[in-house]
Amino acid sequence: MFWAGRDPLETVREVKSLGARSGQLGVPGDLDLAGAAAGWRAAIEAEGFALVTVFAAYVGEDYADIPTVERTVGFIPPGFRAEREARTLEVIDFAAAVGVRSFACHIGCVPEDRADGNYTAVRDMVRRICDHAASHGMNFALETGQEPAKVLLEFFEDVARPNLAVNFDPANMILYGSGDPIEALGILGPHVVSVHAKDGDWPNPAVAGSLGVERPLGSGAVGMERFVAKLREIGYKGTLNVEREGTSPEQWRGDVAAAVSLLNSLTQ
């Protein structure tokens, strides 16, 4: 996974130089998308690169710790909903113009109580977004991790839209302490259309509300051999998209190249 903001052709060539043949494009919340789709479409076509998902991030999101995530991330915080729904539709339109058939984002920490006002408001918002994505022949993939797999599955059933899907991130299950990622993949498997290859360690139990720490692929608690084996077991046929956040550009390039090498060794 890589981010928009620089020249599209230069960005795609850099990602390809690390060994990747496909990927996912992140769109910062403050990035002006007017006229941007043509450049990205030209770049991926020129380089023969498969862009499988466009991700949206939003202005005001903060991942410092779990309470901060609950207050600022995705669609759960009421004060951000209208602005973020409008931005989401804009990013979906951008993705469709680029020729990508999957949109994804974090919607925030879904409440377990279906009677919670935040739950019903976000459910209805996700339904509207699904319907807009469907008008472009696209799916809407929810990122995993901020709630247990069973809670997310119940939310899926309640939204009741055929184009709602999952972008499965095993490390997020660990970073948020929300469940074993291999077990969660078994629960959510039928809905998984894309995958993040990311690793990390569990939160410090002595620090309430803390998040775990992301690690280079293969050095955290996910267990990539088990993860890849589980993907085979559920019949997953999509791409493995390396995600590495919170590093310098130099470390990012080194970690992504090493992750691509590791995944090649596990999938041959």
C-alpha atoms as a PDB file:
ATOM      1  CA  MET A   1       0.000   0.000   0.000  1.00  0.00           C
ATOM      2  CA  PHE A   2       1.299   3.445  -0.937  1.00  0.00           C
ATOM      3  CA  TRP A   3      -0.002   7.004  -0.805  1.00  0.00           C
ATOM      4  CA  ALA A   4      -1.027   9.560  -3.376  1.00  0.00           C
ATOM      5  CA  GLY A   5       0.481  13.015  -3.211  1.00  0.00           C
ATOM      6  CA  ARG A   6       3.530  12.755  -5.456  1.00  0.00           C
ATOM      7  CA  ASP A   7       3.786  12.325  -9.210  1.00  0.00           C
ATOM      8  CA  PRO A   8       1.787   9.182 -10.110  1.00  0.00           C
ATOM      9  CA  LEU A   9       4.280   7.743 -12.608  1.00  0.00           C
ATOM     10  CA  GLU A  10       7.227   8.303 -10.270  1.00  0.00           C
ATOM     11  CA  THR A  11       5.297   6.711  -7.403  1.00  0.00           C
ATOM     12  CA  VAL A  12       4.276   3.608  -9.343  1.00  0.00           C
ATOM     13  CA  ARG A  13       7.806   3.110 -10.638  1.00  0.00           C
ATOM     14  CA  GLU A  14       9.200   3.316  -7.109  1.00  0.00           C
ATOM     15  CA  VAL A  15       6.744   0.700  -5.857  1.00  0.00           C
ATOM     16  CA  LYS A  16       7.587  -1.592  -8.780  1.00  0.00           C
ATOM     17  CA  SER A  17      11.302  -1.220  -8.039  1.00  0.00           C
ATOM     18  CA  LEU A  18      10.663  -2.858  -4.642  1.00  0.00           C
ATOM     19  CA  GLY A  19       9.324  -5.990  -6.337  1.00  0.00           C
ATOM     20  CA  ALA A  20       5.588  -5.285  -6.179  1.00  0.00           C
ATOM     21  CA  ARG A  21       3.393  -5.962  -9.214  1.00  0.00           C
ATOM     22  CA  SER A  22       0.156  -4.684  -7.707  1.00  0.00           C
ATOM     23  CA  GLY A  23      -0.988  -2.566  -4.813  1.00  0.00           C
ATOM     24  CA  GLN A  24      -3.437  -0.269  -3.090  1.00  0.00           C
ATOM     25  CA  LEU A  25      -3.486   3.521  -3.244  1.00  0.00           C
ATOM     26  CA  GLY A  26      -4.145   5.577  -0.118  1.00  0.00           C
ATOM     27  CA  VAL A  27      -5.725   9.021  -0.527  1.00  0.00           C
ATOM     28  CA  PRO A  28      -4.967  11.550   2.238  1.00  0.00           C
ATOM     29  CA  GLY A  29      -7.972  13.456   3.485  1.00  0.00           C
ATOM     30  CA  ASP A  30      -6.639  16.837   2.387  1.00  0.00           C
ATOM     31  CA  LEU A  31      -5.523  15.819  -1.120  1.00  0.00           C
ATOM     32  CA  ASP A  32      -7.219  17.755  -3.930  1.00  0.00           C
ATOM     33  CA  LEU A  33      -8.653  15.145  -6.314  1.00  0.00           C
ATOM     34  CA  ALA A  34      -9.813  17.537  -9.034  1.00  0.00           C
ATOM     35  CA  GLY A  35      -8.369  16.242 -12.295  1.00  0.00           C
ATOM     36  CA  ALA A  36      -6.159  13.691 -10.507  1.00  0.00           C
ATOM     37  CA  ALA A  37      -7.698  10.498 -11.883  1.00  0.00           C
ATOM     38  CA  ALA A  38      -6.328  10.878 -15.410  1.00  0.00           C
ATOM     39  CA  GLY A  39      -2.722  10.959 -14.202  1.00  0.00           C
ATOM     40  CA  TRP A  40      -3.125   7.877 -12.040  1.00  0.00           C
ATOM     41  CA  ARG A  41      -4.913   5.933 -14.744  1.00  0.00           C
ATOM     42  CA  ALA A  42      -2.207   6.791 -17.264  1.00  0.00           C
ATOM     43  CA  ALA A  43       0.557   5.797 -14.832  1.00  0.00           C
ATOM     44  CA  ILE A  44      -0.806   2.351 -13.974  1.00  0.00           C
ATOM     45  CA  GLU A  45      -1.584   1.614 -17.608  1.00  0.00           C
ATOM     46  CA  ALA A  46       1.872   2.712 -18.743  1.00  0.00           C
ATOM     47  CA  GLU A  47       3.577   0.551 -16.113  1.00  0.00           C
ATOM     48  CA  GLY A  48       1.280  -2.469 -16.375  1.00  0.00           C
ATOM     49  CA  PHE A  49       0.563  -2.138 -12.656  1.00  0.00           C
ATOM     50  CA  ALA A  50      -2.575  -3.606 -11.064  1.00  0.00           C
ATOM     51  CA  LEU A  51      -4.185  -1.100  -8.707  1.00  0.00           C
ATOM     52  CA  VAL A  52      -6.669  -3.183  -6.719  1.00  0.00           C
ATOM     53  CA  THR A  53      -8.048  -0.788  -4.085  1.00  0.00           C
ATOM     54  CA  VAL A  54      -8.282   2.901  -3.328  1.00  0.00           C
ATOM     55  CA  PHE A  55      -8.259   3.725   0.398  1.00  0.00           C
ATOM     56  CA  ALA A  56      -9.561   6.902   1.991  1.00  0.00           C
ATOM     57  CA  ALA A  57      -8.093   8.572   5.043  1.00  0.00           C
ATOM     58  CA  TYR A  58      -9.817  11.585   6.594  1.00  0.00           C
ATOM     59  CA  VAL A  59      -8.788  14.948   7.983  1.00  0.00           C
ATOM     60  CA  GLY A  60      -8.813  14.854  11.788  1.00  0.00           C
ATOM     61  CA  GLU A  61      -8.056  11.158  12.294  1.00  0.00           C
ATOM     62  CA  ASP A  62      -5.548  10.312  15.028  1.00  0.00           C
ATOM     63  CA  TYR A  63      -4.252   6.821  15.848  1.00  0.00           C
ATOM     64  CA  ALA A  64      -2.355   7.707  19.046  1.00  0.00           C
ATOM     65  CA  ASP A  65      -4.208   5.174  21.225  1.00  0.00           C
ATOM     66  CA  ILE A  66      -7.555   3.380  21.355  1.00  0.00           C
ATOM     67  CA  PRO A  67      -9.541   6.183  23.104  1.00  0.00           C
ATOM     68  CA  THR A  68      -8.228   8.659  20.519  1.00  0.00           C
ATOM     69  CA  VAL A  69      -9.160   6.303  17.687  1.00  0.00           C
ATOM     70  CA  GLU A  70     -12.676   6.026  19.116  1.00  0.00           C
ATOM     71  CA  ARG A  71     -12.988   9.835  19.189  1.00  0.00           C
ATOM     72  CA  THR A  72     -11.495  10.657  15.794  1.00  0.00           C
ATOM     73  CA  VAL A  73     -11.385   7.773  13.302  1.00  0.00           C
ATOM     74  CA  GLY A  74     -13.849   6.888  10.589  1.00  0.00           C
ATOM     75  CA  PHE A  75     -17.598   7.392  10.704  1.00  0.00           C
ATOM     76  CA  ILE A  76     -18.294   6.819  14.403  1.00  0.00           C
ATOM     77  CA  PRO A  77     -17.546  10.390  15.665  1.00  0.00           C
ATOM     78  CA  PRO A  78     -20.823  12.261  14.930  1.00  0.00           C
ATOM     79  CA  GLY A  79     -19.215  15.629  14.273  1.00  0.00           C
ATOM     80  CA  PHE A  80     -17.254  14.305  11.291  1.00  0.00           C
ATOM     81  CA  ARG A  81     -19.930  12.215   9.570  1.00  0.00           C
ATOM     82  CA  ALA A  82     -21.387  14.625   7.020  1.00  0.00           C
ATOM     83  CA  GLU A  83     -17.981  15.881   5.898  1.00  0.00           C
ATOM     84  CA  ARG A  84     -16.549  12.361   5.682  1.00  0.00           C
ATOM     85  CA  GLU A  85     -19.523  10.955   3.811  1.00  0.00           C
ATOM     86  CA  ALA A  86     -19.107  13.660   1.163  1.00  0.00           C
ATOM     87  CA  ARG A  87     -15.365  12.980   0.960  1.00  0.00           C
ATOM     88  CA  THR A  88     -15.980   9.235   0.706  1.00  0.00           C
ATOM     89  CA  LEU A  89     -18.266   9.666  -2.290  1.00  0.00           C
ATOM     90  CA  GLU A  90     -15.630  11.896  -3.897  1.00  0.00           C
ATOM     91  CA  VAL A  91     -12.911   9.271  -3.387  1.00  0.00           C
ATOM     92  CA  ILE A  92     -15.176   6.545  -4.805  1.00  0.00           C
ATOM     93  CA  ASP A  93     -15.783   8.673  -7.896  1.00  0.00           C
ATOM     94  CA  PHE A  94     -12.012   9.184  -8.210  1.00  0.00           C
ATOM     95  CA  ALA A  95     -11.371   5.427  -7.896  1.00  0.00           C
ATOM     96  CA  ALA A  96     -13.981   4.659 -10.528  1.00  0.00           C
ATOM     97  CA  ALA A  97     -12.396   7.156 -12.915  1.00  0.00           C
ATOM     98  CA  VAL A  98      -8.989   5.525 -12.376  1.00  0.00           C
ATOM     99  CA  GLY A  99     -10.571   2.158 -13.188  1.00  0.00           C
ATOM    100  CA  VAL A 100     -10.360   0.598  -9.711  1.00  0.00           C
ATOM    101  CA  ARG A 101     -13.228  -1.588  -8.580  1.00  0.00           C
ATOM    102  CA  SER A 102     -12.727  -1.565  -4.816  1.00  0.00           C
ATOM    103  CA  PHE A 103     -12.893   1.240  -2.252  1.00  0.00           C
ATOM    104  CA  ALA A 104     -11.870   0.819   1.394  1.00  0.00           C
ATOM    105  CA  CYS A 105     -11.447   2.738   4.641  1.00  0.00           C
ATOM    106  CA  HIS A 106     -11.603   2.458   8.418  1.00  0.00           C
ATOM    107  CA  ILE A 107     -15.154   3.193   9.552  1.00  0.00           C
ATOM    108  CA  GLY A 108     -14.127   3.351  13.231  1.00  0.00           C
ATOM    109  CA  CYS A 109     -14.903   1.188  16.241  1.00  0.00           C
ATOM    110  CA  VAL A 110     -18.327  -0.350  15.590  1.00  0.00           C
ATOM    111  CA  PRO A 111     -20.378  -0.544  18.828  1.00  0.00           C
ATOM    112  CA  GLU A 112     -21.509  -4.022  19.869  1.00  0.00           C
ATOM    113  CA  ASP A 113     -24.932  -2.699  20.899  1.00  0.00           C
ATOM    114  CA  ARG A 114     -27.166  -2.499  17.828  1.00  0.00           C
ATOM    115  CA  ALA A 115     -29.453  -0.067  19.675  1.00  0.00           C
ATOM    116  CA  ASP A 116     -26.609   2.420  20.097  1.00  0.00           C
ATOM    117  CA  GLY A 117     -27.371   5.597  18.144  1.00  0.00           C
ATOM    118  CA  ASN A 118     -23.871   5.648  16.686  1.00  0.00           C
ATOM    119  CA  TYR A 119     -24.325   2.090  15.456  1.00  0.00           C
ATOM    120  CA  THR A 120     -27.540   2.796  13.577  1.00  0.00           C
ATOM    121  CA  ALA A 121     -26.258   6.075  12.115  1.00  0.00           C
ATOM    122  CA  VAL A 122     -23.085   4.439  10.805  1.00  0.00           C
ATOM    123  CA  ARG A 123     -24.993   1.394   9.513  1.00  0.00           C
ATOM    124  CA  ASP A 124     -27.244   3.661   7.468  1.00  0.00           C
ATOM    125  CA  MET A 125     -24.265   5.694   6.250  1.00  0.00           C
ATOM    126  CA  VAL A 126     -22.471   2.515   5.133  1.00  0.00           C
ATOM    127  CA  ARG A 127     -25.612   1.462   3.255  1.00  0.00           C
ATOM    128  CA  ARG A 128     -25.616   4.774   1.357  1.00  0.00           C
ATOM    129  CA  ILE A 129     -21.913   4.455   0.559  1.00  0.00           C
ATOM    130  CA  CYS A 130     -22.399   0.870  -0.633  1.00  0.00           C
ATOM    131  CA  ASP A 131     -25.176   2.010  -2.927  1.00  0.00           C
ATOM    132  CA  HIS A 132     -22.999   4.764  -4.387  1.00  0.00           C
ATOM    133  CA  ALA A 133     -20.109   2.342  -4.909  1.00  0.00           C
ATOM    134  CA  ALA A 134     -22.487  -0.151  -6.552  1.00  0.00           C
ATOM    135  CA  SER A 135     -23.508   2.520  -9.070  1.00  0.00           C
ATOM    136  CA  HIS A 136     -19.886   2.316 -10.307  1.00  0.00           C
ATOM    137  CA  GLY A 137     -19.752  -1.486 -10.124  1.00  0.00           C
ATOM    138  CA  MET A 138     -17.494  -1.253  -7.061  1.00  0.00           C
ATOM    139  CA  ASN A 139     -17.365  -2.906  -3.659  1.00  0.00           C
ATOM    140  CA  PHE A 140     -16.825  -1.199  -0.315  1.00  0.00           C
ATOM    141  CA  ALA A 141     -14.245  -3.070   1.767  1.00  0.00           C
ATOM    142  CA  LEU A 142     -14.124  -2.433   5.503  1.00  0.00           C
ATOM    143  CA  GLU A 143     -10.725  -2.594   7.167  1.00  0.00           C
ATOM    144  CA  THR A 144     -10.530  -5.092  10.038  1.00  0.00           C
ATOM    145  CA  GLY A 145      -9.102  -4.683  13.496  1.00  0.00           C
ATOM    146  CA  GLN A 146     -11.007  -2.129  15.522  1.00  0.00           C
ATOM    147  CA  GLU A 147     -13.653  -4.600  16.673  1.00  0.00           C
ATOM    148  CA  PRO A 148     -13.781  -8.403  17.091  1.00  0.00           C
ATOM    149  CA  ALA A 149     -14.525 -10.412  13.952  1.00  0.00           C
ATOM    150  CA  LYS A 150     -17.942 -11.557  15.201  1.00  0.00           C
ATOM    151  CA  VAL A 151     -19.034  -7.951  15.801  1.00  0.00           C
ATOM    152  CA  LEU A 152     -17.970  -7.014  12.278  1.00  0.00           C
ATOM    153  CA  LEU A 153     -19.784 -10.042  10.848  1.00  0.00           C
ATOM    154  CA  GLU A 154     -23.017  -9.050  12.625  1.00  0.00           C
ATOM    155  CA  PHE A 155     -22.611  -5.529  11.231  1.00  0.00           C
ATOM    156  CA  PHE A 156     -22.294  -7.012   7.726  1.00  0.00           C
ATOM    157  CA  GLU A 157     -25.495  -8.944   8.171  1.00  0.00           C
ATOM    158  CA  ASP A 158     -27.289  -5.841   9.397  1.00  0.00           C
ATOM    159  CA  VAL A 159     -26.063  -3.589   6.564  1.00  0.00           C
ATOM    160  CA  ALA A 160     -27.311  -6.199   4.068  1.00  0.00           C
ATOM    161  CA  ARG A 161     -25.567  -4.955   0.942  1.00  0.00           C
ATOM    162  CA  PRO A 162     -24.054  -7.490  -1.493  1.00  0.00           C
ATOM    163  CA  ASN A 163     -21.089  -5.246  -2.358  1.00  0.00           C
ATOM    164  CA  LEU A 164     -19.958  -4.809   1.261  1.00  0.00           C
ATOM    165  CA  ALA A 165     -16.661  -6.636   1.720  1.00  0.00           C
ATOM    166  CA  VAL A 166     -13.572  -6.960   3.927  1.00  0.00           C
ATOM    167  CA  ASN A 167     -10.015  -5.777   3.532  1.00  0.00           C
ATOM    168  CA  PHE A 168      -8.411  -8.134   6.053  1.00  0.00           C
ATOM    169  CA  ASP A 169      -5.483  -6.758   8.065  1.00  0.00           C
ATOM    170  CA  PRO A 170      -4.106  -9.417  10.452  1.00  0.00           C
ATOM    171  CA  ALA A 171      -1.840  -7.007  12.305  1.00  0.00           C
ATOM    172  CA  ASN A 172      -4.728  -4.697  13.200  1.00  0.00           C
ATOM    173  CA  MET A 173      -6.425  -7.520  15.086  1.00  0.00           C
ATOM    174  CA  ILE A 174      -3.273  -7.718  17.210  1.00  0.00           C
ATOM    175  CA  LEU A 175      -2.547  -3.984  17.485  1.00  0.00           C
ATOM    176  CA  TYR A 176      -6.071  -3.310  18.811  1.00  0.00           C
ATOM    177  CA  GLY A 177      -6.171  -6.485  20.907  1.00  0.00           C
ATOM    178  CA  SER A 178      -9.406  -7.496  19.181  1.00  0.00           C
ATOM    179  CA  GLY A 179      -8.705 -11.163  18.537  1.00  0.00           C
ATOM    180  CA  ASP A 180      -6.519 -13.833  16.996  1.00  0.00           C
ATOM    181  CA  PRO A 181      -6.129 -12.937  13.306  1.00  0.00           C
ATOM    182  CA  ILE A 182      -6.098 -16.518  12.065  1.00  0.00           C
ATOM    183  CA  GLU A 183      -9.361 -17.298  13.846  1.00  0.00           C
ATOM    184  CA  ALA A 184     -10.828 -13.983  12.629  1.00  0.00           C
ATOM    185  CA  LEU A 185      -9.884 -14.810   9.041  1.00  0.00           C
ATOM    186  CA  GLY A 186     -11.832 -18.043   9.338  1.00  0.00           C
ATOM    187  CA  ILE A 187     -14.909 -16.111  10.513  1.00  0.00           C
ATOM    188  CA  LEU A 188     -14.730 -13.359   7.898  1.00  0.00           C
ATOM    189  CA  GLY A 189     -13.243 -15.402   5.037  1.00  0.00           C
ATOM    190  CA  PRO A 190     -16.297 -15.425   2.724  1.00  0.00           C
ATOM    191  CA  HIS A 191     -16.289 -11.606   2.688  1.00  0.00           C
ATOM    192  CA  VAL A 192     -12.547 -11.019   2.196  1.00  0.00           C
ATOM    193  CA  VAL A 193     -11.695  -9.393  -1.157  1.00  0.00           C
ATOM    194  CA  SER A 194      -8.298  -7.926  -0.278  1.00  0.00           C
ATOM    195  CA  VAL A 195      -5.565  -8.422   2.298  1.00  0.00           C
ATOM    196  CA  HIS A 196      -2.911  -6.381   4.054  1.00  0.00           C
ATOM    197  CA  ALA A 197       0.373  -8.151   4.714  1.00  0.00           C
ATOM    198  CA  LYS A 198       1.281  -6.371   7.949  1.00  0.00           C
ATOM    199  CA  ASP A 199       2.768  -7.450  11.260  1.00  0.00           C
ATOM    200  CA  GLY A 200       2.821  -6.206  14.829  1.00  0.00           C
ATOM    201  CA  ASP A 201       2.915  -6.955  18.541  1.00  0.00           C
ATOM    202  CA  TRP A 202       0.073  -7.015  21.070  1.00  0.00           C
ATOM    203  CA  PRO A 203      -0.653  -3.945  23.239  1.00  0.00           C
ATOM    204  CA  ASN A 204       1.084  -3.591  26.582  1.00  0.00           C
ATOM    205  CA  PRO A 205      -1.477  -4.938  29.101  1.00  0.00           C
ATOM    206  CA  ALA A 206      -0.072  -2.602  31.760  1.00  0.00           C
ATOM    207  CA  VAL A 207      -1.023   0.498  29.744  1.00  0.00           C
ATOM    208  CA  ALA A 208      -4.787   0.913  29.482  1.00  0.00           C
ATOM    209  CA  GLY A 209      -6.012   1.922  26.021  1.00  0.00           C
ATOM    210  CA  SER A 210      -2.651   1.455  24.372  1.00  0.00           C
ATOM    211  CA  LEU A 211      -2.166   0.143  20.854  1.00  0.00           C
ATOM    212  CA  GLY A 212       0.339  -2.522  19.915  1.00  0.00           C
ATOM    213  CA  VAL A 213       3.447  -1.739  17.896  1.00  0.00           C
ATOM    214  CA  GLU A 214       3.731  -2.353  14.152  1.00  0.00           C
ATOM    215  CA  ARG A 215       6.759  -4.440  13.135  1.00  0.00           C
ATOM    216  CA  PRO A 216       8.441  -5.318   9.826  1.00  0.00           C
ATOM    217  CA  LEU A 217       6.680  -8.239   8.174  1.00  0.00           C
ATOM    218  CA  GLY A 218       7.731 -11.540   9.715  1.00  0.00           C
ATOM    219  CA  SER A 219       9.005 -10.061  12.992  1.00  0.00           C
ATOM    220  CA  GLY A 220       5.708  -9.560  14.832  1.00  0.00           C
ATOM    221  CA  ALA A 221       3.057 -11.773  16.393  1.00  0.00           C
ATOM    222  CA  VAL A 222       0.925 -12.515  13.295  1.00  0.00           C
ATOM    223  CA  GLY A 223       2.833 -15.583  12.140  1.00  0.00           C
ATOM    224  CA  MET A 224       2.981 -15.079   8.385  1.00  0.00           C
ATOM    225  CA  GLU A 225       3.340 -18.770   7.549  1.00  0.00           C
ATOM    226  CA  ARG A 226       0.108 -19.519   9.424  1.00  0.00           C
ATOM    227  CA  PHE A 227      -1.578 -16.512   7.841  1.00  0.00           C
ATOM    228  CA  VAL A 228      -0.666 -17.473   4.279  1.00  0.00           C
ATOM    229  CA  ALA A 229      -1.684 -21.073   4.972  1.00  0.00           C
ATOM    230  CA  LYS A 230      -5.072 -19.878   6.263  1.00  0.00           C
ATOM    231  CA  LEU A 231      -5.568 -17.744   3.153  1.00  0.00           C
ATOM    232  CA  ARG A 232      -5.015 -20.868   1.054  1.00  0.00           C
ATOM    233  CA  GLU A 233      -7.447 -22.816   3.240  1.00  0.00           C
ATOM    234  CA  ILE A 234     -10.281 -20.297   2.751  1.00  0.00           C
ATOM    235  CA  GLY A 235      -9.626 -20.167  -1.002  1.00  0.00           C
ATOM    236  CA  TYR A 236      -8.420 -16.568  -1.161  1.00  0.00           C
ATOM    237  CA  LYS A 237      -7.230 -15.716  -4.696  1.00  0.00           C
ATOM    238  CA  GLY A 238      -6.498 -11.995  -4.392  1.00  0.00           C
ATOM    239  CA  THR A 239      -3.297 -10.036  -3.970  1.00  0.00           C
ATOM    240  CA  LEU A 240      -1.143  -9.688  -0.847  1.00  0.00           C
ATOM    241  CA  ASN A 241      -0.643  -5.972  -0.257  1.00  0.00           C
ATOM    242  CA  VAL A 242       2.262  -5.007   1.964  1.00  0.00           C
ATOM    243  CA  GLU A 243       1.420  -2.208   4.400  1.00  0.00           C
ATOM    244  CA  ARG A 244       4.160  -0.534   6.433  1.00  0.00           C
ATOM    245  CA  GLU A 245       3.431   2.674   8.344  1.00  0.00           C
ATOM    246  CA  GLY A 246       5.252   4.991  10.719  1.00  0.00           C
ATOM    247  CA  THR A 247       8.736   4.783   9.221  1.00  0.00           C
ATOM    248  CA  SER A 248      11.150   7.009   7.329  1.00  0.00           C
ATOM    249  CA  PRO A 249      11.046   6.757   3.513  1.00  0.00           C
ATOM    250  CA  GLU A 250      14.331   4.855   3.543  1.00  0.00           C
ATOM    251  CA  GLN A 251      13.145   2.325   6.107  1.00  0.00           C
ATOM    252  CA  TRP A 252       9.809   2.008   4.296  1.00  0.00           C
ATOM    253  CA  ARG A 253      11.544   1.058   1.066  1.00  0.00           C
ATOM    254  CA  GLY A 254      13.781  -1.480   2.802  1.00  0.00           C
ATOM    255  CA  ASP A 255      10.952  -3.022   4.809  1.00  0.00           C
ATOM    256  CA  VAL A 256       8.629  -3.272   1.802  1.00  0.00           C
ATOM    257  CA  ALA A 257      11.322  -4.903  -0.351  1.00  0.00           C
ATOM    258  CA  ALA A 258      12.046  -7.419   2.433  1.00  0.00           C
ATOM    259  CA  ALA A 259       8.323  -8.090   2.871  1.00  0.00           C
ATOM    260  CA  VAL A 260       7.866  -8.765  -0.852  1.00  0.00           C
ATOM    261  CA  SER A 261      10.769 -11.225  -0.717  1.00  0.00           C
ATOM    262  CA  LEU A 262       9.268 -12.980   2.322  1.00  0.00           C
ATOM    263  CA  LEU A 263       5.845 -13.280   0.696  1.00  0.00           C
ATOM    264  CA  ASN A 264       7.371 -14.648  -2.490  1.00  0.00           C
ATOM    265  CA  SER A 265       9.115 -17.345  -0.453  1.00  0.00           C
ATOM    266  CA  LEU A 266       5.868 -18.262   1.365  1.00  0.00           C
ATOM    267  CA  THR A 267       3.687 -18.399  -1.743  1.00  0.00           C
ATOM    268  CA  GLN A 268       5.897 -20.335  -4.153  1.00  0.00           C
END
